[in-house]
Each structure stands twice: as C-alpha cells, then as structure tokens.
C-alpha atoms as a PDB file:
ATOM      1  CA  MET A   1      -4.883  -5.704 -13.226  1.00  0.00           C
ATOM      2  CA  ILE A   2      -1.129  -5.797 -12.676  1.00  0.00           C
ATOM      3  CA  GLU A   3       1.152  -6.864 -15.503  1.00  0.00           C
ATOM      4  CA  ILE A   4       4.934  -7.179 -15.642  1.00  0.00           C
ATOM      5  CA  ILE A   5       6.799  -4.803 -17.957  1.00  0.00           C
ATOM      6  CA  GLU A   6       9.612  -6.666 -19.698  1.00  0.00           C
ATOM      7  CA  GLY A   7      12.893  -5.365 -21.102  1.00  0.00           C
ATOM      8  CA  LEU A   8      14.517  -3.829 -18.023  1.00  0.00           C
ATOM      9  CA  PRO A   9      17.590  -5.006 -16.076  1.00  0.00           C
ATOM     10  CA  ASP A  10      17.149  -8.216 -14.109  1.00  0.00           C
ATOM     11  CA  ASN A  11      17.210  -6.471 -10.719  1.00  0.00           C
ATOM     12  CA  VAL A  12      14.196  -4.300 -11.652  1.00  0.00           C
ATOM     13  CA  VAL A  13      10.592  -5.219 -10.967  1.00  0.00           C
ATOM     14  CA  ALA A  14       8.546  -3.161 -13.418  1.00  0.00           C
ATOM     15  CA  VAL A  15       4.765  -3.281 -13.467  1.00  0.00           C
ATOM     16  CA  ARG A  16       1.862  -1.550 -15.153  1.00  0.00           C
ATOM     17  CA  VAL A  17      -1.399  -1.281 -13.234  1.00  0.00           C
ATOM     18  CA  SER A  18      -4.681  -0.671 -15.024  1.00  0.00           C
ATOM     19  CA  GLY A  19      -8.388  -1.276 -14.690  1.00  0.00           C
ATOM     20  CA  GLU A  20      -9.368  -2.552 -11.254  1.00  0.00           C
ATOM     21  CA  VAL A  21      -6.451  -3.660  -9.091  1.00  0.00           C
ATOM     22  CA  THR A  22      -7.249  -6.372  -6.533  1.00  0.00           C
ATOM     23  CA  GLY A  23      -5.496  -8.176  -3.719  1.00  0.00           C
ATOM     24  CA  ASP A  24      -5.242 -11.202  -6.010  1.00  0.00           C
ATOM     25  CA  ASP A  25      -3.245  -9.089  -8.483  1.00  0.00           C
ATOM     26  CA  TYR A  26      -0.751  -8.434  -5.711  1.00  0.00           C
ATOM     27  CA  SER A  27      -0.617 -11.998  -4.396  1.00  0.00           C
ATOM     28  CA  LYS A  28      -0.403 -13.649  -7.824  1.00  0.00           C
ATOM     29  CA  VAL A  29       1.719 -11.166  -9.803  1.00  0.00           C
ATOM     30  CA  LEU A  30       3.503  -8.419  -7.863  1.00  0.00           C
ATOM     31  CA  ILE A  31       4.478 -10.122  -4.613  1.00  0.00           C
ATOM     32  CA  PRO A  32       5.962 -13.234  -6.291  1.00  0.00           C
ATOM     33  CA  ALA A  33       7.924 -11.016  -8.697  1.00  0.00           C
ATOM     34  CA  ILE A  34       9.317  -8.905  -5.843  1.00  0.00           C
ATOM     35  CA  GLU A  35      10.162 -11.903  -3.659  1.00  0.00           C
ATOM     36  CA  ASP A  36      11.859 -13.719  -6.561  1.00  0.00           C
ATOM     37  CA  LYS A  37      14.059 -10.715  -7.382  1.00  0.00           C
ATOM     38  CA  ILE A  38      14.924 -10.116  -3.721  1.00  0.00           C
ATOM     39  CA  GLN A  39      16.035 -13.756  -3.376  1.00  0.00           C
ATOM     40  CA  LYS A  40      18.207 -13.440  -6.489  1.00  0.00           C
ATOM     41  CA  TYR A  41      19.656  -9.953  -5.988  1.00  0.00           C
ATOM     42  CA  GLY A  42      19.143  -8.913  -2.358  1.00  0.00           C
ATOM     43  CA  LYS A  43      18.426  -5.305  -3.330  1.00  0.00           C
ATOM     44  CA  ILE A  44      15.988  -4.456  -6.111  1.00  0.00           C
ATOM     45  CA  ARG A  45      14.597  -1.490  -7.980  1.00  0.00           C
ATOM     46  CA  MET A  46      10.951  -0.916  -8.815  1.00  0.00           C
ATOM     47  CA  LEU A  47       9.129   0.876 -11.588  1.00  0.00           C
ATOM     48  CA  TYR A  48       5.414   1.225 -10.867  1.00  0.00           C
ATOM     49  CA  GLN A  49       3.371   2.623 -13.762  1.00  0.00           C
ATOM     50  CA  MET A  50      -0.243   3.606 -13.231  1.00  0.00           C
ATOM     51  CA  ASP A  51      -1.761   3.358 -16.683  1.00  0.00           C
ATOM     52  CA  LYS A  52      -4.254   5.967 -17.865  1.00  0.00           C
ATOM     53  CA  GLU A  53      -6.846   3.156 -17.799  1.00  0.00           C
ATOM     54  CA  LEU A  54      -6.486   2.693 -14.016  1.00  0.00           C
ATOM     55  CA  GLU A  55      -9.932   2.712 -12.439  1.00  0.00           C
ATOM     56  CA  TRP A  56      -9.707   1.583  -8.834  1.00  0.00           C
ATOM     57  CA  PHE A  57      -7.701  -0.182  -6.118  1.00  0.00           C
ATOM     58  CA  THR A  58      -9.791  -2.519  -3.968  1.00  0.00           C
ATOM     59  CA  ILE A  59      -9.343  -2.437  -0.195  1.00  0.00           C
ATOM     60  CA  SER A  60      -7.498  -5.776  -0.343  1.00  0.00           C
ATOM     61  CA  ALA A  61      -5.130  -4.323  -2.961  1.00  0.00           C
ATOM     62  CA  MET A  62      -4.363  -1.350  -0.714  1.00  0.00           C
ATOM     63  CA  GLN A  63      -3.711  -3.696   2.210  1.00  0.00           C
ATOM     64  CA  GLU A  64      -1.396  -5.896   0.133  1.00  0.00           C
ATOM     65  CA  ASP A  65       0.425  -2.801  -1.158  1.00  0.00           C
ATOM     66  CA  ALA A  66       1.088  -1.589   2.370  1.00  0.00           C
ATOM     67  CA  LYS A  67       2.242  -5.035   3.531  1.00  0.00           C
ATOM     68  CA  VAL A  68       4.649  -5.590   0.647  1.00  0.00           C
ATOM     69  CA  GLY A  69       6.127  -2.115   1.104  1.00  0.00           C
ATOM     70  CA  ILE A  70       6.645  -2.450   4.842  1.00  0.00           C
ATOM     71  CA  ARG A  71       7.888  -6.041   4.706  1.00  0.00           C
ATOM     72  CA  ASN A  72      10.500  -5.267   2.038  1.00  0.00           C
ATOM     73  CA  LEU A  73      11.391  -1.645   2.769  1.00  0.00           C
ATOM     74  CA  THR A  74      15.121  -2.284   3.167  1.00  0.00           C
ATOM     75  CA  ALA A  75      15.278  -4.387  -0.015  1.00  0.00           C
ATOM     76  CA  PHE A  76      14.601  -1.474  -2.375  1.00  0.00           C
ATOM     77  CA  GLU A  77      17.405   0.597  -3.914  1.00  0.00           C
ATOM     78  CA  LYS A  78      15.092   3.047  -5.650  1.00  0.00           C
ATOM     79  CA  ILE A  79      11.557   3.370  -6.960  1.00  0.00           C
ATOM     80  CA  ALA A  80      10.102   5.204  -9.946  1.00  0.00           C
ATOM     81  CA  VAL A  81       6.365   5.949  -9.863  1.00  0.00           C
ATOM     82  CA  VAL A  82       4.801   6.791 -13.227  1.00  0.00           C
ATOM     83  CA  SER A  83       1.355   8.346 -13.008  1.00  0.00           C
ATOM     84  CA  ASP A  84      -0.782  11.111 -14.458  1.00  0.00           C
ATOM     85  CA  VAL A  85      -2.765  11.313 -11.212  1.00  0.00           C
ATOM     86  CA  ASP A  86      -1.572  14.540  -9.601  1.00  0.00           C
ATOM     87  CA  TRP A  87      -2.629  13.633  -6.052  1.00  0.00           C
ATOM     88  CA  MET A  88      -0.710  10.343  -6.320  1.00  0.00           C
ATOM     89  CA  ASN A  89       2.473  12.084  -7.459  1.00  0.00           C
ATOM     90  CA  SER A  90       2.053  14.675  -4.687  1.00  0.00           C
ATOM     91  CA  ALA A  91       1.567  11.949  -2.059  1.00  0.00           C
ATOM     92  CA  VAL A  92       4.703  10.146  -3.251  1.00  0.00           C
ATOM     93  CA  GLY A  93       6.527  13.476  -3.114  1.00  0.00           C
ATOM     94  CA  LEU A  94       5.534  13.955   0.520  1.00  0.00           C
ATOM     95  CA  PHE A  95       6.577  10.475   1.640  1.00  0.00           C
ATOM     96  CA  LYS A  96       9.840  10.299  -0.281  1.00  0.00           C
ATOM     97  CA  PHE A  97      11.554  12.333   2.438  1.00  0.00           C
ATOM     98  CA  ILE A  98      11.030   9.572   5.006  1.00  0.00           C
ATOM     99  CA  ILE A  99      11.803   6.674   2.660  1.00  0.00           C
ATOM    100  CA  PRO A 100      15.440   5.510   2.955  1.00  0.00           C
ATOM    101  CA  PHE A 101      16.101   5.310  -0.798  1.00  0.00           C
ATOM    102  CA  PRO A 102      15.581   7.542  -3.857  1.00  0.00           C
ATOM    103  CA  VAL A 103      12.026   7.849  -5.184  1.00  0.00           C
ATOM    104  CA  ARG A 104      11.086   9.815  -8.302  1.00  0.00           C
ATOM    105  CA  THR A 105       7.757  10.513  -9.939  1.00  0.00           C
ATOM    106  CA  TYR A 106       7.083  10.793 -13.653  1.00  0.00           C
ATOM    107  CA  LYS A 107       4.109  11.384 -15.919  1.00  0.00           C
ATOM    108  CA  ASN A 108       3.121   8.580 -18.328  1.00  0.00           C
ATOM    109  CA  GLU A 109       4.588  10.568 -21.226  1.00  0.00           C
ATOM    110  CA  GLU A 110       7.935  10.345 -19.370  1.00  0.00           C
ATOM    111  CA  LEU A 111       7.942   6.546 -19.098  1.00  0.00           C
ATOM    112  CA  SER A 112      11.142   6.231 -21.118  1.00  0.00           C
ATOM    113  CA  GLU A 113      12.908   8.631 -18.738  1.00  0.00           C
ATOM    114  CA  ALA A 114      11.647   6.624 -15.752  1.00  0.00           C
ATOM    115  CA  LYS A 115      12.962   3.418 -17.325  1.00  0.00           C
ATOM    116  CA  ALA A 116      16.338   5.032 -17.955  1.00  0.00           C
ATOM    117  CA  TRP A 117      16.620   6.314 -14.368  1.00  0.00           C
ATOM    118  CA  ILE A 118      15.585   3.039 -12.739  1.00  0.00           C
ATOM    119  CA  SER A 119      18.119   1.199 -14.950  1.00  0.00           C
ATOM    120  CA  GLU A 120      21.113   3.429 -14.006  1.00  0.00           C
END
C-alpha cells in the first residue's frame, strides 16, 4: 500500500509504503501525486518512507517505480529515502552518485530529520 503523508510543503510528494506494494498503488496514488505536483511546480521534492510493516513489492510495482523515476528524473530537486532496510539504504547510497540531485537516506527513527531536510 502507498499512502500520502500530509503536512509538508506543497512542492513535496511524501509517501509511506507498507504491506504489499503493487503496480496499482503506483498508478492510482504515487504517479498522479507526482504528475500533479510537477504540473504545478515544475520541480518537486520527494520523501519516500518504507514503513517497518513493508512486506513486498510486486513485479508490476518495481516496473512502475522504474518508469516513474526515469520519466521524471529531471523534475526532482531532491529525494529523502526513509528505511530500516540496510540493503535498500546501501543501494540508494551507491546510486546517489549518478543521480543529478541530492539524495539522502534516513532510518525510520529519523523521519522528522528527513522531513526537515526535504522541506529546506
């Protein structure tokens, strides 16, 4: 499931993923939110929190994730990834050197710090 996190600046798309994440979650929640903000602001920021209850990403979810990232790569100003999954944070750390905008990783206990950074 993907749900929108409220209470951040208007140019920020903030989501919490938990349980099983499907392609429908992307097409019905995340992609419309990203496209709406890009139309309004041109450049956006993203906070992506992987809840401790996250179980699995379906293949269609992984495909949608890749498509939305590639299609909108130049529209992001910065991204904060919040996760307690060490391999996920390490993978983000490896790729952040080829991504043309700042990317930071945080643990779930640091969610408030991630929100502060993405809002700066």
